[in-house]
């Protein structure tokens, strides 16, 4: 049996998950922006 989480523990899990999601999305956005800039700076 797993013990029940307190509201604070449950909330910290949600917050850390949200932070992780934001980090991943912003990283992907940065990579996409760099790729687009690269094609504008160095056209074939």
Protein backbone atom coordinates (compact mmCIF):
# COMPACT_ATOMS: atom_id res chain seq x y z
CA UNK A 1 0.00 0.00 0.00
CA UNK A 2 1.24 3.46 -0.89
CA UNK A 3 0.79 6.21 1.66
CA UNK A 4 -1.45 9.12 0.76
CA UNK A 5 0.19 12.35 -0.30
CA UNK A 6 -0.43 15.52 1.63
CA UNK A 7 -1.85 18.42 -0.41
CA UNK A 8 1.56 20.13 -0.35
CA UNK A 9 3.33 17.02 -1.68
CA UNK A 10 0.72 16.53 -4.38
CA UNK A 11 0.97 20.17 -5.40
CA UNK A 12 4.77 20.06 -5.58
CA UNK A 13 4.52 17.08 -7.94
CA UNK A 14 2.14 18.99 -10.21
CA UNK A 15 4.37 22.07 -10.13
CA UNK A 16 7.55 20.13 -10.93
CA UNK A 17 5.76 18.35 -13.77
CA UNK A 18 4.57 21.69 -15.11
CA UNK A 19 8.08 23.16 -14.86
CA UNK A 20 9.51 20.15 -16.69
CA UNK A 21 6.90 20.53 -19.45
CA UNK A 22 7.67 24.24 -19.82
CA UNK A 23 11.41 23.53 -19.99
CA UNK A 24 10.94 20.91 -22.72
CA UNK A 25 8.61 23.13 -24.73
CA UNK A 26 10.87 26.17 -24.48
CA UNK A 27 13.87 24.07 -25.51
CA UNK A 28 12.01 22.79 -28.56
CA UNK A 29 10.91 26.34 -29.38
CA UNK A 30 14.48 27.60 -29.10
CA UNK A 31 15.75 24.82 -31.38
CA UNK A 32 13.04 25.61 -33.94
CA UNK A 33 13.85 29.34 -33.81
CA UNK A 34 17.56 28.60 -34.30
CA UNK A 35 16.78 26.35 -37.26
CA UNK A 36 14.60 29.01 -38.91
CA UNK A 37 17.22 31.72 -38.28
CA UNK A 38 19.92 29.42 -39.70
CA UNK A 39 17.99 29.03 -42.98
CA UNK A 40 17.53 32.81 -43.24
CA UNK A 41 21.17 33.57 -42.49
CA UNK A 42 22.63 30.85 -44.74
CA UNK A 43 20.29 30.40 -47.72
CA UNK A 44 21.22 27.61 -50.13
